Amino acid sequence: MIVTAIFEAKAGKADELRKQLQAGASASWQEAGVKTYAVHEVIDKPGTFMNIEVYENEAAFASHLETPHVKAFLGMLDDLLANPLTVYQGKAIFTGTNSKSAL
């Protein structure tokens, strides 16, 4: 299961959001069902971040959402985000046989 989350920092909050995203990534890497957890800043939109997350399955993602670090982070978002968090959940529709076709 693939999850992409988009975070747009309020003015003056980008550094704090970046710090919290990095801390969340470090904690998430310890979870058994997390295959990939990558944080990126959008090149042409400083202060806008995107997480690309790969989970073993939907149960692993559900478990991730119940961890103390995720709950604490979600509780901070009203103070940090200019717009509501956008989350997309996806599944592969074509992976072919080439290793470059899958996350």
C-alpha atoms as a PDB file:
ATOM      1  CA  MET A   1       0.000   0.000   0.000  1.00  0.00           C
ATOM      2  CA  ILE A   2       1.294   3.434  -0.973  1.00  0.00           C
ATOM      3  CA  VAL A   3       0.424   6.610   0.930  1.00  0.00           C
ATOM      4  CA  THR A   4       1.319  10.120  -0.176  1.00  0.00           C
ATOM      5  CA  ALA A   5       0.741  12.961   2.280  1.00  0.00           C
ATOM      6  CA  ILE A   6       1.067  16.669   1.443  1.00  0.00           C
ATOM      7  CA  PHE A   7       1.861  19.219   4.162  1.00  0.00           C
ATOM      8  CA  GLU A   8       1.890  22.991   3.501  1.00  0.00           C
ATOM      9  CA  ALA A   9       3.428  24.948   6.382  1.00  0.00           C
ATOM     10  CA  LYS A  10       1.965  28.170   7.724  1.00  0.00           C
ATOM     11  CA  ALA A  11       4.143  31.232   7.235  1.00  0.00           C
ATOM     12  CA  GLY A  12       7.033  31.027   9.675  1.00  0.00           C
ATOM     13  CA  LYS A  13       6.360  27.359  10.543  1.00  0.00           C
ATOM     14  CA  ALA A  14       8.340  25.533   7.828  1.00  0.00           C
ATOM     15  CA  ASP A  15      11.370  24.849  10.020  1.00  0.00           C
ATOM     16  CA  GLU A  16       9.231  23.417  12.818  1.00  0.00           C
ATOM     17  CA  LEU A  17       7.211  21.304  10.387  1.00  0.00           C
ATOM     18  CA  ARG A  18      10.425  20.022   8.764  1.00  0.00           C
ATOM     19  CA  LYS A  19      11.785  19.082  12.212  1.00  0.00           C
ATOM     20  CA  GLN A  20       8.584  17.245  13.159  1.00  0.00           C
ATOM     21  CA  LEU A  21       8.447  15.395   9.826  1.00  0.00           C
ATOM     22  CA  GLN A  22      12.047  14.256  10.270  1.00  0.00           C
ATOM     23  CA  ALA A  23      11.334  13.041  13.807  1.00  0.00           C
ATOM     24  CA  GLY A  24       8.244  11.205  12.585  1.00  0.00           C
ATOM     25  CA  ALA A  25      10.202   9.515   9.821  1.00  0.00           C
ATOM     26  CA  SER A  26      12.849   8.308  12.271  1.00  0.00           C
ATOM     27  CA  ALA A  27      10.164   6.801  14.505  1.00  0.00           C
ATOM     28  CA  SER A  28       8.245   5.307  11.573  1.00  0.00           C
ATOM     29  CA  TRP A  29      11.335   3.510  10.245  1.00  0.00           C
ATOM     30  CA  GLN A  30      11.196   1.368  13.400  1.00  0.00           C
ATOM     31  CA  GLU A  31       7.712   0.016  12.596  1.00  0.00           C
ATOM     32  CA  ALA A  32       7.621  -3.541  11.280  1.00  0.00           C
ATOM     33  CA  GLY A  33       5.031  -2.879   8.554  1.00  0.00           C
ATOM     34  CA  VAL A  34       6.743   0.207   7.118  1.00  0.00           C
ATOM     35  CA  LYS A  35       8.715  -0.643   3.968  1.00  0.00           C
ATOM     36  CA  THR A  36       9.538   2.934   2.923  1.00  0.00           C
ATOM     37  CA  TYR A  37       8.979   6.254   4.653  1.00  0.00           C
ATOM     38  CA  ALA A  38      10.502   9.187   2.770  1.00  0.00           C
ATOM     39  CA  VAL A  39      10.061  12.914   3.435  1.00  0.00           C
ATOM     40  CA  HIS A  40      10.607  15.408   0.605  1.00  0.00           C
ATOM     41  CA  GLU A  41      10.336  19.180   0.279  1.00  0.00           C
ATOM     42  CA  VAL A  42       8.679  20.386  -2.926  1.00  0.00           C
ATOM     43  CA  ILE A  43      11.374  22.075  -5.025  1.00  0.00           C
ATOM     44  CA  ASP A  44       9.324  25.008  -6.289  1.00  0.00           C
ATOM     45  CA  LYS A  45       7.232  25.417  -3.109  1.00  0.00           C
ATOM     46  CA  PRO A  46       9.495  25.857  -0.088  1.00  0.00           C
ATOM     47  CA  GLY A  47       7.624  24.930   3.078  1.00  0.00           C
ATOM     48  CA  THR A  48       5.519  22.341   1.265  1.00  0.00           C
ATOM     49  CA  PHE A  49       6.453  18.754   2.035  1.00  0.00           C
ATOM     50  CA  MET A  50       5.365  15.385   0.736  1.00  0.00           C
ATOM     51  CA  ASN A  51       5.736  12.042   2.394  1.00  0.00           C
ATOM     52  CA  ILE A  52       5.886   8.934   0.254  1.00  0.00           C
ATOM     53  CA  GLU A  53       5.154   5.931   2.417  1.00  0.00           C
ATOM     54  CA  VAL A  54       5.001   2.244   1.523  1.00  0.00           C
ATOM     55  CA  TYR A  55       3.336  -0.218   3.893  1.00  0.00           C
ATOM     56  CA  GLU A  56       3.187  -4.016   3.840  1.00  0.00           C
ATOM     57  CA  ASN A  57      -0.623  -3.802   3.740  1.00  0.00           C
ATOM     58  CA  GLU A  58      -3.606  -1.760   4.932  1.00  0.00           C
ATOM     59  CA  ALA A  59      -3.315  -3.238   8.430  1.00  0.00           C
ATOM     60  CA  ALA A  60       0.251  -1.911   8.700  1.00  0.00           C
ATOM     61  CA  PHE A  61      -0.956   1.570   7.737  1.00  0.00           C
ATOM     62  CA  ALA A  62      -3.796   1.362  10.264  1.00  0.00           C
ATOM     63  CA  SER A  63      -1.277   0.312  12.910  1.00  0.00           C
ATOM     64  CA  HIS A  64       0.974   3.237  11.952  1.00  0.00           C
ATOM     65  CA  LEU A  65      -1.898   5.674  12.533  1.00  0.00           C
ATOM     66  CA  GLU A  66      -2.324   4.326  16.077  1.00  0.00           C
ATOM     67  CA  THR A  67       1.295   4.853  17.156  1.00  0.00           C
ATOM     68  CA  PRO A  68       1.977   7.499  19.817  1.00  0.00           C
ATOM     69  CA  HIS A  69       4.308   9.477  17.534  1.00  0.00           C
ATOM     70  CA  VAL A  70       1.697   9.759  14.772  1.00  0.00           C
ATOM     71  CA  LYS A  71      -1.059  10.729  17.200  1.00  0.00           C
ATOM     72  CA  ALA A  72       1.191  13.399  18.740  1.00  0.00           C
ATOM     73  CA  PHE A  73       2.163  14.730  15.304  1.00  0.00           C
ATOM     74  CA  LEU A  74      -1.429  14.891  14.088  1.00  0.00           C
ATOM     75  CA  GLY A  75      -2.255  16.905  17.206  1.00  0.00           C
ATOM     76  CA  MET A  76       0.278  19.577  16.167  1.00  0.00           C
ATOM     77  CA  LEU A  77      -1.000  20.109  12.645  1.00  0.00           C
ATOM     78  CA  ASP A  78      -3.506  22.880  13.355  1.00  0.00           C
ATOM     79  CA  ASP A  79      -0.611  25.033  14.541  1.00  0.00           C
ATOM     80  CA  LEU A  80       1.737  24.075  11.697  1.00  0.00           C
ATOM     81  CA  LEU A  81      -0.338  23.785   8.508  1.00  0.00           C
ATOM     82  CA  ALA A  82      -1.720  26.524   6.278  1.00  0.00           C
ATOM     83  CA  ASN A  83      -4.201  24.088   4.705  1.00  0.00           C
ATOM     84  CA  PRO A  84      -5.694  20.776   5.774  1.00  0.00           C
ATOM     85  CA  LEU A  85      -3.458  17.747   5.378  1.00  0.00           C
ATOM     86  CA  THR A  86      -3.997  15.968   2.060  1.00  0.00           C
ATOM     87  CA  VAL A  87      -3.537  12.183   2.065  1.00  0.00           C
ATOM     88  CA  TYR A  88      -3.781   9.862  -0.932  1.00  0.00           C
ATOM     89  CA  GLN A  89      -3.872   6.083  -0.534  1.00  0.00           C
ATOM     90  CA  GLY A  90      -2.917   4.115  -3.610  1.00  0.00           C
ATOM     91  CA  LYS A  91      -2.327   0.657  -4.923  1.00  0.00           C
ATOM     92  CA  ALA A  92      -0.219  -0.411  -7.864  1.00  0.00           C
ATOM     93  CA  ILE A  93      -2.188  -0.923 -11.056  1.00  0.00           C
ATOM     94  CA  PHE A  94       0.721  -1.947 -13.263  1.00  0.00           C
ATOM     95  CA  THR A  95       4.094  -3.148 -12.082  1.00  0.00           C
ATOM     96  CA  GLY A  96       5.157  -5.302 -14.992  1.00  0.00           C
ATOM     97  CA  THR A  97       8.326  -7.316 -14.603  1.00  0.00           C
ATOM     98  CA  ASN A  98      10.731  -4.381 -14.433  1.00  0.00           C
ATOM     99  CA  SER A  99      12.035  -3.531 -10.971  1.00  0.00           C
ATOM    100  CA  LYS A 100      11.682   0.169 -11.828  1.00  0.00           C
ATOM    101  CA  SER A 101       7.914  -0.176 -12.004  1.00  0.00           C
ATOM    102  CA  ALA A 102       7.294  -0.661  -8.281  1.00  0.00           C
ATOM    103  CA  LEU A 103       7.895   1.293  -5.114  1.00  0.00           C
END
